Amino acid sequence: MSDLKNQPKTVQMTEAEMNKRIARFKLLRPQSEYYDKGQGIPGQAYEMVTAKTLYTVMAPSAKSGPMSAMPAIIADDKLSVIIAECPPGDKPMLHAHFHTSEHFFCLKGRFKVRWGDEGENATILEPFDMIAVPKAVCRDFTNITDETAYLLVLITGGAEEDYNDIGFAPGESKKFKEAFGPEVTGKMEAIGFTFLKNQPA
């Protein structure tokens, strides 16, 4: 017979409390809109470094890195859940996460996932395929279909400050700086992105 005194107790929640933990996709806004208005970062600059449209479904807080402005759900877990909506050919810049782990789960379409400092390795994700990319490995993903595709991005970290750990590969960083100049580059760095330089041989 089980010991009733030592069993865990359930928690009751009101509808209002539970509603704070529900994300409705039709109500989500792209991350680029928040930074365009709040920090003066052009939407095109944000969309160049990330996928065309990112929706932050859940994050540990609104300060959990540069992809967590106004998450629909703020959870106790150290987990960010993002949906990348990518038109044909769309991709983020080649980048690495240094303190968090990033996982890609293909929801719809097909994605070419590259890894390596120059993106020299690649695999294809079909619907419901997933890849877990280790820390500090450069990676990107490209929608290789002729329709809008969707990728679920899961990012896990140990602490909130870990999420400001995204660094763009040197070649990609150079292209961004040439396209947008030092002022926009500085604003992107202020929200948590890093533009890496070539390391000496």
Protein backbone atom coordinates (compact mmCIF):
# COMPACT_ATOMS: atom_id res chain seq x y z
CA MET A 1 0.00 0.00 0.00
CA SER A 2 1.41 3.42 -0.97
CA ASP A 3 2.19 6.08 1.60
CA LEU A 4 -0.37 8.86 0.99
CA LYS A 5 1.56 11.33 3.16
CA ASN A 6 4.60 11.25 0.87
CA GLN A 7 2.92 11.30 -2.54
CA PRO A 8 3.21 14.49 -4.62
CA LYS A 9 0.29 16.91 -4.68
CA THR A 10 -1.35 18.12 -7.87
CA VAL A 11 -1.67 21.81 -8.68
CA GLN A 12 -4.92 23.49 -9.66
CA MET A 13 -4.82 26.29 -12.25
CA THR A 14 -7.48 28.75 -13.31
CA GLU A 15 -8.32 29.28 -16.97
CA ALA A 16 -6.66 32.72 -16.82
CA GLU A 17 -3.47 31.20 -15.41
CA MET A 18 -3.39 28.50 -18.08
CA ASN A 19 -4.05 31.03 -20.85
CA LYS A 20 -0.66 32.60 -20.05
CA ARG A 21 0.89 29.26 -21.02
CA ILE A 22 -0.84 28.93 -24.41
CA ALA A 23 0.66 30.22 -27.66
CA ARG A 24 -1.73 30.82 -30.58
CA PHE A 25 0.21 30.81 -33.84
CA LYS A 26 -2.19 33.25 -35.52
CA LEU A 27 -1.39 35.82 -32.81
CA LEU A 28 2.41 35.56 -33.01
CA ARG A 29 4.39 38.41 -34.58
CA PRO A 30 7.76 38.09 -36.33
CA GLN A 31 10.79 38.84 -34.13
CA SER A 32 12.12 41.34 -36.68
CA GLU A 33 9.14 43.63 -35.98
CA TYR A 34 10.05 44.01 -32.32
CA TYR A 35 13.65 44.98 -32.98
CA ASP A 36 12.76 47.24 -35.92
CA LYS A 37 10.57 49.37 -33.66
CA GLY A 38 12.37 48.95 -30.34
CA GLN A 39 16.06 49.11 -31.20
CA GLY A 40 16.06 50.78 -34.62
CA ILE A 41 17.34 47.66 -36.38
CA PRO A 42 16.06 47.42 -39.97
CA GLY A 43 13.92 44.34 -40.52
CA GLN A 44 16.12 43.40 -43.49
CA ALA A 45 19.21 43.32 -41.26
CA TYR A 46 17.57 41.06 -38.67
CA GLU A 47 16.16 38.81 -41.39
CA MET A 48 19.60 38.51 -43.02
CA VAL A 49 21.15 36.98 -39.90
CA THR A 50 18.13 34.83 -39.02
CA ALA A 51 15.48 33.12 -41.12
CA LYS A 52 13.07 35.41 -42.97
CA THR A 53 10.44 35.09 -40.25
CA LEU A 54 10.97 33.84 -36.69
CA TYR A 55 8.13 33.34 -34.24
CA THR A 56 9.17 32.89 -30.61
CA VAL A 57 6.63 30.53 -29.12
CA MET A 58 8.33 30.12 -25.74
CA ALA A 59 11.45 31.35 -23.93
CA PRO A 60 12.77 31.50 -20.36
CA SER A 61 12.23 35.30 -20.47
CA ALA A 62 12.04 38.21 -22.87
CA LYS A 63 15.78 38.71 -22.23
CA SER A 64 16.84 35.22 -23.28
CA GLY A 65 18.94 36.23 -26.23
CA PRO A 66 18.29 38.14 -29.44
CA MET A 67 15.52 35.80 -30.61
CA SER A 68 13.29 36.11 -27.56
CA ALA A 69 11.64 39.52 -27.69
CA MET A 70 8.04 39.11 -26.50
CA PRO A 71 7.80 35.30 -26.29
CA ALA A 72 4.20 34.07 -26.32
CA ILE A 73 4.95 31.86 -23.31
CA ILE A 74 7.51 32.59 -20.60
CA ALA A 75 8.30 29.22 -19.03
CA ASP A 76 10.24 28.03 -16.03
CA ASP A 77 12.28 25.74 -18.28
CA LYS A 78 15.55 26.87 -19.86
CA LEU A 79 14.10 26.18 -23.30
CA SER A 80 13.39 28.45 -26.26
CA VAL A 81 10.91 27.24 -28.86
CA ILE A 82 10.94 29.08 -32.17
CA ILE A 83 9.21 28.49 -35.51
CA ALA A 84 11.21 29.56 -38.56
CA GLU A 85 9.00 30.33 -41.54
CA CYS A 86 11.17 30.27 -44.67
CA PRO A 87 10.23 31.13 -48.24
CA PRO A 88 12.04 29.17 -50.98
CA GLY A 89 15.83 29.55 -50.71
CA ASP A 90 15.68 31.39 -47.38
CA LYS A 91 18.35 30.75 -44.75
CA PRO A 92 20.05 32.39 -41.78
CA MET A 93 23.72 33.30 -41.87
CA LEU A 94 26.17 30.55 -40.92
CA HIS A 95 26.48 30.81 -37.14
CA ALA A 96 27.48 29.01 -33.94
CA HIS A 97 25.92 28.84 -30.48
CA PHE A 98 28.64 28.70 -27.83
CA HIS A 99 26.70 28.12 -24.58
CA THR A 100 23.37 26.71 -25.79
CA SER A 101 22.44 23.66 -27.83
CA GLU A 102 20.29 24.12 -30.93
CA HIS A 103 18.04 21.46 -32.43
CA PHE A 104 16.18 21.62 -35.76
CA PHE A 105 12.96 19.67 -36.40
CA CYS A 106 11.48 19.86 -39.90
CA LEU A 107 7.74 20.53 -39.74
CA LYS A 108 6.97 21.15 -43.42
CA GLY A 109 9.10 21.18 -46.56
CA ARG A 110 12.74 20.12 -46.89
CA PHE A 111 15.78 21.81 -45.39
CA LYS A 112 19.43 21.54 -46.25
CA VAL A 113 21.35 21.85 -42.98
CA ARG A 114 25.03 22.76 -43.33
CA TRP A 115 27.73 22.71 -40.69
CA GLY A 116 31.42 23.59 -40.45
CA ASP A 117 33.22 26.94 -40.50
CA GLU A 118 32.50 27.26 -44.23
CA GLY A 119 29.34 25.15 -44.26
CA GLU A 120 31.35 22.39 -45.95
CA ASN A 121 29.19 19.53 -44.60
CA ALA A 122 25.47 19.05 -45.25
CA THR A 123 22.43 16.84 -44.76
CA ILE A 124 18.78 17.07 -45.83
CA LEU A 125 15.90 17.13 -43.33
CA GLU A 126 12.55 15.79 -44.54
CA PRO A 127 9.32 16.39 -42.57
CA PHE A 128 9.63 15.10 -38.99
CA ASP A 129 13.43 14.65 -39.27
CA MET A 130 15.53 16.28 -36.54
CA ILE A 131 19.17 17.22 -36.01
CA ALA A 132 20.84 18.21 -32.72
CA VAL A 133 23.81 20.48 -33.44
CA PRO A 134 26.57 20.55 -30.77
CA LYS A 135 27.78 23.79 -29.20
CA ALA A 136 30.36 25.88 -31.08
CA VAL A 137 29.72 24.15 -34.45
CA CYS A 138 28.79 26.61 -37.22
CA ARG A 139 25.46 25.77 -38.84
CA ASP A 140 22.69 27.10 -41.05
CA PHE A 141 19.57 25.79 -42.78
CA THR A 142 18.05 26.48 -46.20
CA ASN A 143 14.55 25.82 -47.49
CA ILE A 144 15.26 23.80 -50.65
CA THR A 145 11.62 23.55 -51.80
CA ASP A 146 9.59 25.89 -54.00
CA GLU A 147 7.06 26.57 -51.22
CA THR A 148 7.16 28.14 -47.77
CA ALA A 149 8.68 25.65 -45.32
CA TYR A 150 8.60 25.52 -41.52
CA LEU A 151 11.35 24.49 -39.10
CA LEU A 152 10.91 24.05 -35.36
CA VAL A 153 13.98 25.37 -33.53
CA LEU A 154 14.60 24.26 -29.95
CA ILE A 155 17.37 25.95 -27.96
CA THR A 156 18.41 24.75 -24.50
CA GLY A 157 20.74 26.44 -22.05
CA GLY A 158 21.71 26.34 -18.42
CA ALA A 159 21.04 29.99 -17.55
CA GLU A 160 19.35 33.01 -19.08
CA GLU A 161 22.65 34.70 -19.95
CA ASP A 162 23.69 31.65 -22.01
CA TYR A 163 21.29 32.69 -24.79
CA ASN A 164 23.41 35.70 -25.84
CA ASP A 165 25.88 33.30 -27.44
CA ILE A 166 25.31 33.50 -31.19
CA GLY A 167 28.37 34.29 -33.29
CA PHE A 168 28.33 34.57 -37.08
CA ALA A 169 31.07 32.94 -39.15
CA PRO A 170 33.79 35.42 -40.24
CA GLY A 171 32.88 35.35 -43.94
CA GLU A 172 29.21 35.97 -43.16
CA SER A 173 30.11 38.71 -40.67
CA LYS A 174 32.10 40.53 -43.35
CA LYS A 175 29.15 40.41 -45.77
CA PHE A 176 26.79 41.77 -43.12
CA LYS A 177 29.11 44.66 -42.19
CA GLU A 178 29.51 45.56 -45.87
CA ALA A 179 25.73 45.51 -46.37
CA PHE A 180 24.65 47.44 -43.27
CA GLY A 181 27.68 49.32 -41.91
CA PRO A 182 29.03 49.86 -38.39
CA GLU A 183 25.95 51.54 -36.88
CA VAL A 184 23.54 48.66 -37.59
CA THR A 185 26.27 46.13 -36.75
CA GLY A 186 26.67 47.81 -33.35
CA LYS A 187 22.92 47.69 -32.73
CA MET A 188 22.86 43.98 -33.57
CA GLU A 189 25.74 43.39 -31.14
CA ALA A 190 23.82 45.35 -28.47
CA ILE A 191 20.95 42.81 -28.56
CA GLY A 192 23.31 39.82 -28.23
CA PHE A 193 24.73 38.86 -31.64
CA THR A 194 28.50 38.61 -32.25
CA PHE A 195 30.24 39.07 -35.61
CA LEU A 196 33.31 36.84 -35.56
CA LYS A 197 36.65 37.69 -37.17
CA ASN A 198 39.08 35.29 -38.83
CA GLN A 199 41.38 33.71 -36.28
CA PRO A 200 45.13 33.79 -36.90
CA ALA A 201 46.51 30.51 -38.27
